[in-house]
C-alpha atoms as a PDB file:
ATOM      1  CA  MET A   1     -33.989 -55.770  87.795  1.00  0.00           C
ATOM      2  CA  GLU A   2     -37.456 -56.606  87.763  1.00  0.00           C
ATOM      3  CA  LEU A   3     -39.405 -53.934  85.796  1.00  0.00           C
ATOM      4  CA  ASP A   4     -41.856 -52.230  87.905  1.00  0.00           C
ATOM      5  CA  ARG A   5     -44.943 -52.102  85.941  1.00  0.00           C
ATOM      6  CA  ASP A   6     -46.916 -50.116  88.341  1.00  0.00           C
ATOM      7  CA  ALA A   7     -44.681 -47.476  88.649  1.00  0.00           C
ATOM      8  CA  LEU A   8     -43.603 -47.092  85.160  1.00  0.00           C
ATOM      9  CA  GLN A   9     -47.831 -46.604  84.349  1.00  0.00           C
ATOM     10  CA  ARG A  10     -48.190 -43.929  86.485  1.00  0.00           C
ATOM     11  CA  LYS A  11     -44.771 -42.307  85.585  1.00  0.00           C
ATOM     12  CA  VAL A  12     -45.691 -42.260  82.073  1.00  0.00           C
ATOM     13  CA  HIS A  13     -49.069 -40.520  82.914  1.00  0.00           C
ATOM     14  CA  ALA A  14     -47.948 -38.278  84.759  1.00  0.00           C
ATOM     15  CA  LEU A  15     -45.149 -37.278  81.992  1.00  0.00           C
ATOM     16  CA  TYR A  16     -48.483 -37.366  79.494  1.00  0.00           C
ATOM     17  CA  ALA A  17     -49.774 -35.017  81.941  1.00  0.00           C
ATOM     18  CA  LYS A  18     -47.118 -32.660  81.814  1.00  0.00           C
ATOM     19  CA  GLU A  19     -46.548 -32.732  78.161  1.00  0.00           C
ATOM     20  CA  HIS A  20     -49.506 -31.587  77.382  1.00  0.00           C
ATOM     21  CA  ALA A  21     -49.992 -28.894  80.058  1.00  0.00           C
ATOM     22  CA  GLU A  22     -47.033 -27.712  78.347  1.00  0.00           C
ATOM     23  CA  LEU A  23     -48.687 -28.305  74.487  1.00  0.00           C
ATOM     24  CA  GLY A  24     -51.571 -25.694  75.145  1.00  0.00           C
ATOM     25  CA  ALA A  25     -53.623 -24.331  73.309  1.00  0.00           C
ATOM     26  CA  ALA A  26     -51.116 -22.435  71.124  1.00  0.00           C
ATOM     27  CA  GLY A  27     -49.258 -25.472  70.468  1.00  0.00           C
ATOM     28  CA  THR A  28     -51.710 -28.071  69.922  1.00  0.00           C
ATOM     29  CA  LEU A  29     -53.119 -25.316  66.920  1.00  0.00           C
ATOM     30  CA  GLU A  30     -49.510 -25.537  65.598  1.00  0.00           C
ATOM     31  CA  HIS A  31     -48.890 -29.741  65.319  1.00  0.00           C
ATOM     32  CA  LEU A  32     -52.827 -29.448  63.958  1.00  0.00           C
ATOM     33  CA  GLU A  33     -51.165 -26.634  61.600  1.00  0.00           C
ATOM     34  CA  ARG A  34     -47.982 -28.702  60.968  1.00  0.00           C
ATOM     35  CA  ALA A  35     -50.357 -31.825  59.410  1.00  0.00           C
ATOM     36  CA  GLU A  36     -52.429 -29.993  56.801  1.00  0.00           C
ATOM     37  CA  GLN A  37     -49.402 -31.072  54.753  1.00  0.00           C
ATOM     38  CA  TRP A  38     -50.648 -34.485  54.536  1.00  0.00           C
ATOM     39  CA  GLN A  39     -54.674 -34.793  52.980  1.00  0.00           C
ATOM     40  CA  LEU A  40     -55.392 -38.552  53.493  1.00  0.00           C
ATOM     41  CA  GLY A  41     -58.998 -38.611  54.347  1.00  0.00           C
ATOM     42  CA  ASN A  42     -59.403 -40.289  50.843  1.00  0.00           C
ATOM     43  CA  THR A  43     -57.252 -43.561  52.435  1.00  0.00           C
ATOM     44  CA  LEU A  44     -60.001 -43.472  54.920  1.00  0.00           C
ATOM     45  CA  CYS A  45     -62.966 -43.305  52.266  1.00  0.00           C
ATOM     46  CA  ALA A  46     -61.618 -45.959  50.085  1.00  0.00           C
ATOM     47  CA  GLY A  47     -61.419 -48.520  52.662  1.00  0.00           C
ATOM     48  CA  GLY A  48     -57.657 -48.018  53.775  1.00  0.00           C
ATOM     49  CA  VAL A  49     -55.996 -47.444  57.711  1.00  0.00           C
ATOM     50  CA  LEU A  50     -53.542 -44.997  58.955  1.00  0.00           C
ATOM     51  CA  VAL A  51     -50.983 -45.727  62.071  1.00  0.00           C
ATOM     52  CA  PHE A  52     -50.173 -42.856  63.909  1.00  0.00           C
ATOM     53  CA  PRO A  53     -47.441 -43.039  67.129  1.00  0.00           C
ATOM     54  CA  HIS A  54     -48.672 -42.383  70.793  1.00  0.00           C
ATOM     55  CA  ALA A  55     -44.914 -40.818  71.919  1.00  0.00           C
ATOM     56  CA  GLY A  56     -44.087 -37.783  73.133  1.00  0.00           C
ATOM     57  CA  VAL A  57     -46.720 -35.395  72.212  1.00  0.00           C
ATOM     58  CA  HIS A  58     -44.212 -32.261  71.657  1.00  0.00           C
ATOM     59  CA  ASP A  59     -42.266 -34.904  69.047  1.00  0.00           C
ATOM     60  CA  CYS A  60     -45.028 -36.669  67.251  1.00  0.00           C
ATOM     61  CA  GLY A  61     -48.762 -34.755  67.965  1.00  0.00           C
ATOM     62  CA  TYR A  62     -48.711 -32.987  64.317  1.00  0.00           C
ATOM     63  CA  GLN A  63     -48.662 -37.256  63.394  1.00  0.00           C
ATOM     64  CA  VAL A  64     -51.408 -37.998  65.230  1.00  0.00           C
ATOM     65  CA  ALA A  65     -53.324 -34.993  64.171  1.00  0.00           C
ATOM     66  CA  ALA A  66     -53.129 -35.725  59.969  1.00  0.00           C
ATOM     67  CA  CYS A  67     -55.254 -39.151  61.249  1.00  0.00           C
ATOM     68  CA  VAL A  68     -58.067 -36.961  63.669  1.00  0.00           C
ATOM     69  CA  GLN A  69     -57.742 -34.855  59.998  1.00  0.00           C
ATOM     70  CA  ALA A  70     -58.019 -38.023  57.772  1.00  0.00           C
ATOM     71  CA  ALA A  71     -60.979 -39.341  60.161  1.00  0.00           C
ATOM     72  CA  LEU A  72     -63.076 -36.094  59.535  1.00  0.00           C
ATOM     73  CA  ASP A  73     -62.426 -35.468  56.201  1.00  0.00           C
ATOM     74  CA  SER A  74     -63.340 -38.970  55.696  1.00  0.00           C
ATOM     75  CA  GLY A  75     -66.930 -38.257  56.138  1.00  0.00           C
ATOM     76  CA  ALA A  76     -67.476 -41.665  57.830  1.00  0.00           C
ATOM     77  CA  GLU A  77     -69.712 -41.654  60.717  1.00  0.00           C
ATOM     78  CA  ASP A  78     -68.553 -43.853  62.795  1.00  0.00           C
ATOM     79  CA  VAL A  79     -64.303 -44.051  63.291  1.00  0.00           C
ATOM     80  CA  VAL A  80     -63.009 -47.346  65.091  1.00  0.00           C
ATOM     81  CA  VAL A  81     -59.070 -46.755  66.984  1.00  0.00           C
ATOM     82  CA  LEU A  82     -57.621 -49.532  67.556  1.00  0.00           C
ATOM     83  CA  SER A  83     -55.110 -49.197  69.973  1.00  0.00           C
ATOM     84  CA  VAL A  84     -52.175 -50.713  71.505  1.00  0.00           C
ATOM     85  CA  LEU A  85     -52.560 -52.072  74.589  1.00  0.00           C
ATOM     86  CA  HIS A  86     -49.657 -51.690  76.702  1.00  0.00           C
ATOM     87  CA  ALA A  87     -48.778 -54.666  79.655  1.00  0.00           C
ATOM     88  CA  PHE A  88     -48.600 -52.993  82.537  1.00  0.00           C
ATOM     89  CA  THR A  89     -48.750 -56.041  85.081  1.00  0.00           C
ATOM     90  CA  PRO A  90     -46.252 -59.082  85.146  1.00  0.00           C
ATOM     91  CA  ALA A  91     -49.198 -61.335  84.429  1.00  0.00           C
ATOM     92  CA  MET A  92     -49.810 -59.359  81.009  1.00  0.00           C
ATOM     93  CA  GLU A  93     -46.161 -59.481  80.107  1.00  0.00           C
ATOM     94  CA  ALA A  94     -45.971 -63.043  81.090  1.00  0.00           C
ATOM     95  CA  ALA A  95     -49.076 -63.984  78.586  1.00  0.00           C
ATOM     96  CA  ARG A  96     -47.508 -61.729  75.971  1.00  0.00           C
ATOM     97  CA  VAL A  97     -44.192 -63.411  75.808  1.00  0.00           C
ATOM     98  CA  ALA A  98     -45.571 -67.364  76.554  1.00  0.00           C
ATOM     99  CA  VAL A  99     -47.353 -66.652  73.100  1.00  0.00           C
ATOM    100  CA  ALA A 100     -44.940 -65.050  71.841  1.00  0.00           C
ATOM    101  CA  ALA A 101     -43.017 -68.519  72.256  1.00  0.00           C
ATOM    102  CA  GLY A 102     -45.522 -70.646  70.760  1.00  0.00           C
ATOM    103  CA  ALA A 103     -48.503 -70.769  74.023  1.00  0.00           C
ATOM    104  CA  ASP A 104     -52.173 -70.939  73.068  1.00  0.00           C
ATOM    105  CA  PRO A 105     -53.914 -67.408  73.399  1.00  0.00           C
ATOM    106  CA  ALA A 106     -57.215 -68.930  74.281  1.00  0.00           C
ATOM    107  CA  GLN A 107     -55.129 -70.186  77.976  1.00  0.00           C
ATOM    108  CA  PHE A 108     -54.797 -66.537  79.282  1.00  0.00           C
ATOM    109  CA  GLU A 109     -57.484 -64.431  80.237  1.00  0.00           C
ATOM    110  CA  PHE A 110     -56.311 -61.074  78.400  1.00  0.00           C
ATOM    111  CA  TRP A 111     -57.016 -62.536  75.446  1.00  0.00           C
ATOM    112  CA  GLY A 112     -59.180 -60.860  73.235  1.00  0.00           C
ATOM    113  CA  ILE A 113     -60.486 -57.170  72.110  1.00  0.00           C
ATOM    114  CA  GLN A 114     -61.351 -54.862  74.672  1.00  0.00           C
ATOM    115  CA  GLY A 115     -62.544 -51.562  74.744  1.00  0.00           C
ATOM    116  CA  PRO A 116     -65.442 -48.663  75.775  1.00  0.00           C
ATOM    117  CA  GLY A 117     -69.586 -50.914  75.571  1.00  0.00           C
ATOM    118  CA  ILE A 118     -67.843 -54.009  76.022  1.00  0.00           C
ATOM    119  CA  ALA A 119     -68.189 -56.248  78.634  1.00  0.00           C
ATOM    120  CA  GLY A 120     -65.190 -57.936  80.551  1.00  0.00           C
ATOM    121  CA  ARG A 121     -61.891 -56.525  80.501  1.00  0.00           C
ATOM    122  CA  ARG A 122     -61.273 -53.123  81.873  1.00  0.00           C
ATOM    123  CA  GLU A 123     -57.234 -52.956  81.632  1.00  0.00           C
ATOM    124  CA  TRP A 124     -57.797 -50.786  78.558  1.00  0.00           C
ATOM    125  CA  GLN A 125     -58.959 -47.677  81.072  1.00  0.00           C
ATOM    126  CA  GLY A 126     -55.680 -47.701  82.035  1.00  0.00           C
ATOM    127  CA  ASP A 127     -53.776 -47.193  79.105  1.00  0.00           C
ATOM    128  CA  HIS A 128     -52.218 -43.789  77.675  1.00  0.00           C
ATOM    129  CA  ALA A 129     -51.792 -44.775  74.137  1.00  0.00           C
ATOM    130  CA  LEU A 130     -54.836 -42.317  72.792  1.00  0.00           C
ATOM    131  CA  ILE A 131     -54.195 -39.904  75.510  1.00  0.00           C
ATOM    132  CA  SER A 132     -53.208 -37.746  72.634  1.00  0.00           C
ATOM    133  CA  TRP A 133     -55.482 -38.973  69.722  1.00  0.00           C
ATOM    134  CA  ARG A 134     -58.235 -37.876  72.616  1.00  0.00           C
ATOM    135  CA  HIS A 135     -56.721 -34.108  72.937  1.00  0.00           C
ATOM    136  CA  PHE A 136     -56.712 -33.593  68.809  1.00  0.00           C
ATOM    137  CA  TRP A 137     -59.777 -35.008  67.994  1.00  0.00           C
ATOM    138  CA  ARG A 138     -61.488 -32.185  70.155  1.00  0.00           C
ATOM    139  CA  ALA A 139     -59.093 -29.798  69.217  1.00  0.00           C
ATOM    140  CA  GLU A 140     -60.051 -30.167  65.400  1.00  0.00           C
ATOM    141  CA  LEU A 141     -64.144 -30.490  66.623  1.00  0.00           C
ATOM    142  CA  GLU A 142     -63.225 -26.750  68.291  1.00  0.00           C
ATOM    143  CA  ARG A 143     -61.737 -25.597  65.415  1.00  0.00           C
ATOM    144  CA  ARG A 144     -63.733 -26.883  63.249  1.00  0.00           C
ATOM    145  CA  GLY A 145     -66.950 -25.647  64.855  1.00  0.00           C
ATOM    146  CA  ILE A 146     -67.898 -29.338  65.071  1.00  0.00           C
ATOM    147  CA  LYS A 147     -70.109 -29.946  68.060  1.00  0.00           C
ATOM    148  CA  PRO A 148     -69.376 -33.138  70.346  1.00  0.00           C
ATOM    149  CA  GLY A 149     -73.469 -34.307  69.256  1.00  0.00           C
ATOM    150  CA  LYS A 150     -72.640 -34.091  65.457  1.00  0.00           C
ATOM    151  CA  ALA A 151     -69.202 -35.568  65.779  1.00  0.00           C
ATOM    152  CA  PRO A 152     -68.564 -38.790  63.494  1.00  0.00           C
ATOM    153  CA  ARG A 153     -68.599 -41.240  66.918  1.00  0.00           C
ATOM    154  CA  VAL A 154     -65.605 -42.906  67.791  1.00  0.00           C
ATOM    155  CA  HIS A 155     -65.280 -46.430  68.498  1.00  0.00           C
ATOM    156  CA  GLU A 156     -61.442 -47.427  70.555  1.00  0.00           C
ATOM    157  CA  ARG A 157     -60.445 -50.915  70.354  1.00  0.00           C
ATOM    158  CA  TYR A 158     -57.993 -52.582  72.248  1.00  0.00           C
ATOM    159  CA  PRO A 159     -56.786 -56.390  70.797  1.00  0.00           C
ATOM    160  CA  TYR A 160     -54.367 -58.413  73.083  1.00  0.00           C
ATOM    161  CA  LEU A 161     -52.860 -61.732  72.649  1.00  0.00           C
ATOM    162  CA  ALA A 162     -53.508 -62.133  68.693  1.00  0.00           C
ATOM    163  CA  GLY A 163     -50.357 -64.419  68.355  1.00  0.00           C
ATOM    164  CA  GLY A 164     -50.808 -64.640  64.939  1.00  0.00           C
ATOM    165  CA  GLN A 165     -54.001 -66.224  64.746  1.00  0.00           C
ATOM    166  CA  PRO A 166     -55.787 -62.782  65.063  1.00  0.00           C
ATOM    167  CA  GLN A 167     -58.846 -64.852  63.015  1.00  0.00           C
ATOM    168  CA  ASN A 168     -59.560 -66.536  66.393  1.00  0.00           C
ATOM    169  CA  LEU A 169     -59.433 -63.277  68.293  1.00  0.00           C
ATOM    170  CA  PRO A 170     -62.339 -62.905  70.604  1.00  0.00           C
ATOM    171  CA  GLY A 171     -65.127 -60.585  69.473  1.00  0.00           C
ATOM    172  CA  ILE A 172     -63.115 -60.421  65.404  1.00  0.00           C
ATOM    173  CA  ASP A 173     -66.383 -60.942  64.245  1.00  0.00           C
ATOM    174  CA  GLU A 174     -68.162 -57.974  65.823  1.00  0.00           C
ATOM    175  CA  LEU A 175     -64.650 -55.902  65.549  1.00  0.00           C
ATOM    176  CA  ALA A 176     -65.493 -56.647  61.035  1.00  0.00           C
ATOM    177  CA  ARG A 177     -69.074 -55.971  61.321  1.00  0.00           C
ATOM    178  CA  LEU A 178     -67.912 -52.391  63.023  1.00  0.00           C
ATOM    179  CA  MET A 179     -65.288 -51.605  60.502  1.00  0.00           C
ATOM    180  CA  GLU A 180     -67.325 -52.349  57.661  1.00  0.00           C
ATOM    181  CA  ALA A 181     -68.557 -48.385  56.912  1.00  0.00           C
ATOM    182  CA  ALA A 182     -66.261 -46.707  58.881  1.00  0.00           C
ATOM    183  CA  ALA A 183     -62.709 -45.100  58.574  1.00  0.00           C
ATOM    184  CA  VAL A 184     -60.297 -46.778  60.527  1.00  0.00           C
ATOM    185  CA  VAL A 185     -56.534 -45.915  62.516  1.00  0.00           C
ATOM    186  CA  SER A 186     -54.845 -47.259  64.529  1.00  0.00           C
ATOM    187  CA  THR A 187     -51.390 -46.325  67.027  1.00  0.00           C
ATOM    188  CA  ALA A 188     -48.485 -47.579  67.021  1.00  0.00           C
ATOM    189  CA  ASP A 189     -44.625 -46.958  67.937  1.00  0.00           C
ATOM    190  CA  PRO A 190     -43.249 -49.940  65.951  1.00  0.00           C
ATOM    191  CA  PHE A 191     -39.578 -49.391  67.287  1.00  0.00           C
ATOM    192  CA  HIS A 192     -37.846 -49.362  70.800  1.00  0.00           C
ATOM    193  CA  HIS A 193     -34.256 -48.918  70.961  1.00  0.00           C
ATOM    194  CA  GLY A 194     -31.729 -48.429  73.038  1.00  0.00           C
ATOM    195  CA  ILE A 195     -30.199 -49.418  75.936  1.00  0.00           C
ATOM    196  CA  GLY A 196     -33.473 -49.083  78.232  1.00  0.00           C
ATOM    197  CA  TYR A 197     -34.849 -51.328  76.019  1.00  0.00           C
ATOM    198  CA  GLY A 198     -32.527 -54.019  76.840  1.00  0.00           C
ATOM    199  CA  ASP A 199     -29.933 -53.353  73.911  1.00  0.00           C
ATOM    200  CA  ALA A 200     -26.361 -54.120  73.766  1.00  0.00           C
ATOM    201  CA  PRO A 201     -24.557 -50.763  74.159  1.00  0.00           C
ATOM    202  CA  ALA A 202     -22.635 -52.126  71.212  1.00  0.00           C
ATOM    203  CA  ASP A 203     -25.853 -52.195  68.876  1.00  0.00           C
ATOM    204  CA  THR A 204     -27.281 -49.527  69.663  1.00  0.00           C
ATOM    205  CA  TYR A 205     -28.173 -46.429  67.230  1.00  0.00           C
ATOM    206  CA  ASP A 206     -28.309 -42.964  68.704  1.00  0.00           C
ATOM    207  CA  HIS A 207     -31.492 -40.971  67.133  1.00  0.00           C
ATOM    208  CA  ASP A 208     -30.080 -39.305  64.445  1.00  0.00           C
ATOM    209  CA  ALA A 209     -29.843 -39.724  60.539  1.00  0.00           C
ATOM    210  CA  ALA A 210     -28.046 -42.501  60.427  1.00  0.00           C
ATOM    211  CA  GLY A 211     -30.527 -44.399  63.240  1.00  0.00           C
ATOM    212  CA  LEU A 212     -33.882 -42.699  61.988  1.00  0.00           C
ATOM    213  CA  ALA A 213     -32.795 -44.455  58.796  1.00  0.00           C
ATOM    214  CA  HIS A 214     -31.933 -47.649  60.857  1.00  0.00           C
ATOM    215  CA  ALA A 215     -35.297 -47.568  62.582  1.00  0.00           C
ATOM    216  CA  LYS A 216     -37.192 -46.883  59.391  1.00  0.00           C
ATOM    217  CA  ALA A 217     -35.825 -49.844  57.590  1.00  0.00           C
ATOM    218  CA  VAL A 218     -36.959 -52.049  60.326  1.00  0.00           C
ATOM    219  CA  ILE A 219     -40.773 -50.799  60.579  1.00  0.00           C
ATOM    220  CA  GLU A 220     -40.400 -51.548  56.551  1.00  0.00           C
ATOM    221  CA  ALA A 221     -39.561 -55.042  57.276  1.00  0.00           C
ATOM    222  CA  GLY A 222     -42.709 -55.693  59.190  1.00  0.00           C
ATOM    223  CA  ILE A 223     -44.675 -53.790  56.727  1.00  0.00           C
ATOM    224  CA  LYS A 224     -43.785 -56.252  54.167  1.00  0.00           C
ATOM    225  CA  LEU A 225     -44.708 -59.003  56.160  1.00  0.00           C
ATOM    226  CA  LEU A 226     -47.938 -58.021  57.200  1.00  0.00           C
ATOM    227  CA  GLU A 227     -48.086 -57.412  53.316  1.00  0.00           C
ATOM    228  CA  ALA A 228     -47.463 -60.376  52.431  1.00  0.00           C
ATOM    229  CA  GLY A 229     -50.381 -61.464  55.437  1.00  0.00           C
ATOM    230  CA  ASP A 230     -47.368 -63.696  57.408  1.00  0.00           C
ATOM    231  CA  TYR A 231     -48.945 -62.979  60.689  1.00  0.00           C
ATOM    232  CA  ALA A 232     -46.741 -65.574  62.977  1.00  0.00           C
ATOM    233  CA  ALA A 233     -43.473 -63.908  61.350  1.00  0.00           C
ATOM    234  CA  TYR A 234     -45.629 -60.657  62.010  1.00  0.00           C
ATOM    235  CA  ASN A 235     -46.048 -61.437  64.819  1.00  0.00           C
ATOM    236  CA  GLN A 236     -42.027 -62.362  65.824  1.00  0.00           C
ATOM    237  CA  HIS A 237     -41.006 -59.277  63.961  1.00  0.00           C
ATOM    238  CA  CYS A 238     -42.717 -57.435  66.836  1.00  0.00           C
ATOM    239  CA  VAL A 239     -40.795 -59.209  69.815  1.00  0.00           C
ATOM    240  CA  GLU A 240     -37.503 -58.636  67.871  1.00  0.00           C
ATOM    241  CA  ALA A 241     -38.451 -54.709  66.492  1.00  0.00           C
ATOM    242  CA  LYS A 242     -39.658 -54.138  69.778  1.00  0.00           C
ATOM    243  CA  SER A 243     -42.742 -52.894  68.393  1.00  0.00           C
ATOM    244  CA  ASP A 244     -46.134 -52.278  70.268  1.00  0.00           C
ATOM    245  CA  ALA A 245     -48.132 -52.948  66.672  1.00  0.00           C
ATOM    246  CA  ARG A 246     -48.315 -57.049  67.154  1.00  0.00           C
ATOM    247  CA  ASP A 247     -51.772 -57.150  67.767  1.00  0.00           C
ATOM    248  CA  THR A 248     -53.334 -54.359  66.148  1.00  0.00           C
ATOM    249  CA  GLY A 249     -51.505 -54.631  62.871  1.00  0.00           C
ATOM    250  CA  GLN A 250     -52.183 -58.600  62.836  1.00  0.00           C
ATOM    251  CA  VAL A 251     -55.681 -57.162  63.340  1.00  0.00           C
ATOM    252  CA  TYR A 252     -56.222 -54.854  60.564  1.00  0.00           C
ATOM    253  CA  ARG A 253     -54.481 -56.517  57.927  1.00  0.00           C
ATOM    254  CA  TYR A 254     -56.766 -59.406  58.327  1.00  0.00           C
ATOM    255  CA  LEU A 255     -59.807 -57.440  58.567  1.00  0.00           C
ATOM    256  CA  ARG A 256     -59.137 -55.172  55.712  1.00  0.00           C
ATOM    257  CA  GLY A 257     -57.631 -58.049  53.002  1.00  0.00           C
ATOM    258  CA  PRO A 258     -54.661 -56.931  51.461  1.00  0.00           C
ATOM    259  CA  MET A 259     -52.969 -54.081  51.358  1.00  0.00           C
ATOM    260  CA  THR A 260     -50.095 -51.751  51.217  1.00  0.00           C
ATOM    261  CA  GLY A 261     -48.139 -49.914  53.630  1.00  0.00           C
ATOM    262  CA  LEU A 262     -46.208 -46.728  53.248  1.00  0.00           C
ATOM    263  CA  VAL A 263     -43.814 -45.123  55.903  1.00  0.00           C
ATOM    264  CA  LEU A 264     -45.324 -41.515  55.417  1.00  0.00           C
ATOM    265  CA  ASP A 265     -43.199 -39.719  57.854  1.00  0.00           C
ATOM    266  CA  THR A 266     -40.884 -40.816  61.206  1.00  0.00           C
ATOM    267  CA  SER A 267     -40.128 -39.292  64.509  1.00  0.00           C
ATOM    268  CA  TYR A 268     -38.565 -40.191  67.580  1.00  0.00           C
ATOM    269  CA  THR A 269     -39.037 -39.619  71.087  1.00  0.00           C
ATOM    270  CA  ASP A 270     -36.329 -39.835  73.858  1.00  0.00           C
ATOM    271  CA  SER A 271     -37.436 -42.032  76.940  1.00  0.00           C
ATOM    272  CA  SER A 272     -34.088 -43.095  78.693  1.00  0.00           C
ATOM    273  CA  GLU A 273     -35.454 -40.299  81.637  1.00  0.00           C
ATOM    274  CA  LEU A 274     -39.105 -41.933  81.843  1.00  0.00           C
ATOM    275  CA  TYR A 275     -36.697 -45.296  82.173  1.00  0.00           C
ATOM    276  CA  ASP A 276     -33.836 -43.885  84.354  1.00  0.00           C
ATOM    277  CA  GLN A 277     -31.143 -45.585  81.687  1.00  0.00           C
ATOM    278  CA  PRO A 278     -28.226 -44.151  79.860  1.00  0.00           C
ATOM    279  CA  LYS A 279     -28.638 -42.603  76.465  1.00  0.00           C
ATOM    280  CA  PRO A 280     -29.513 -44.021  74.199  1.00  0.00           C
ATOM    281  CA  THR A 281     -32.954 -45.186  74.858  1.00  0.00           C
ATOM    282  CA  TRP A 282     -35.242 -44.226  72.286  1.00  0.00           C
ATOM    283  CA  VAL A 283     -38.776 -45.377  70.458  1.00  0.00           C
ATOM    284  CA  ALA A 284     -39.467 -43.930  66.588  1.00  0.00           C
ATOM    285  CA  GLY A 285     -43.100 -43.377  65.354  1.00  0.00           C
ATOM    286  CA  ALA A 286     -43.797 -43.134  61.876  1.00  0.00           C
ATOM    287  CA  LEU A 287     -46.836 -42.114  60.605  1.00  0.00           C
ATOM    288  CA  ILE A 288     -47.551 -44.775  57.894  1.00  0.00           C
ATOM    289  CA  GLU A 289     -50.320 -45.093  55.357  1.00  0.00           C
ATOM    290  CA  TRP A 290     -52.196 -48.233  54.452  1.00  0.00           C
ATOM    291  CA  GLN A 291     -54.330 -48.296  51.108  1.00  0.00           C
ATOM    292  CA  LEU A 292     -56.309 -51.349  50.167  1.00  0.00           C
ATOM    293  CA  VAL A 293     -54.813 -53.312  46.845  1.00  0.00           C
ATOM    294  CA  SER A 294     -57.150 -52.931  44.080  1.00  0.00           C
END
């Protein structure tokens, strides 16, 4: 049965609205306070990159908040947020599948980088990946007493169809200039797993200690490929791991240069209800720190 991507997108947005309403001011503060166990501003000051999930906010909000706090602590006047662009239309999904199979990304209209202030495509406007980031950004500014006009400038960018060749993405040179003096963070859910994501029941893990250990190992395998700068292999890894970081990962590794990555923390969200599928159907999120190789 073919996935109804329009219906799924509506359902995802409704779920995010519900979960953020449930979170409220008290829940938001709890996540912000929990995030303080990490002090990662220096990583961004030194040109590194932080990656946060965009799964259920109850499950991973504190990881998002840790990156918000790091961006503010970095002292940067500009913050670039490299976001996943989800394939919520059949044409976008078909292009992504074709490129993963070796097709030239340039033949697809979606090839390039979207975002506020960039002329052209507008699929980014319907994406949910940065809803929690925006939420915690506003909340942390308020908590610190920073007026919006005095806050760092945030630039959202959504690359699509890097296809193992991030250097060829339209707009990559402009993004490189934007990132030069900016703090850079990114979002990804690097491991989708279970029956609802097409895994055979006999091959599935529950989201218990063993399942999370497996997810971490898979995520770390992808990190190793990016460390090596093997973009084509990383693109294929993302297909197999069902990671939505295939474009963002290639872009920040290419633009920042050699880095080492470390999983600081993992979380998970049960998505069986979202997809109306049996358990186990879940996504693993991770707080990942990338440091420049000196």
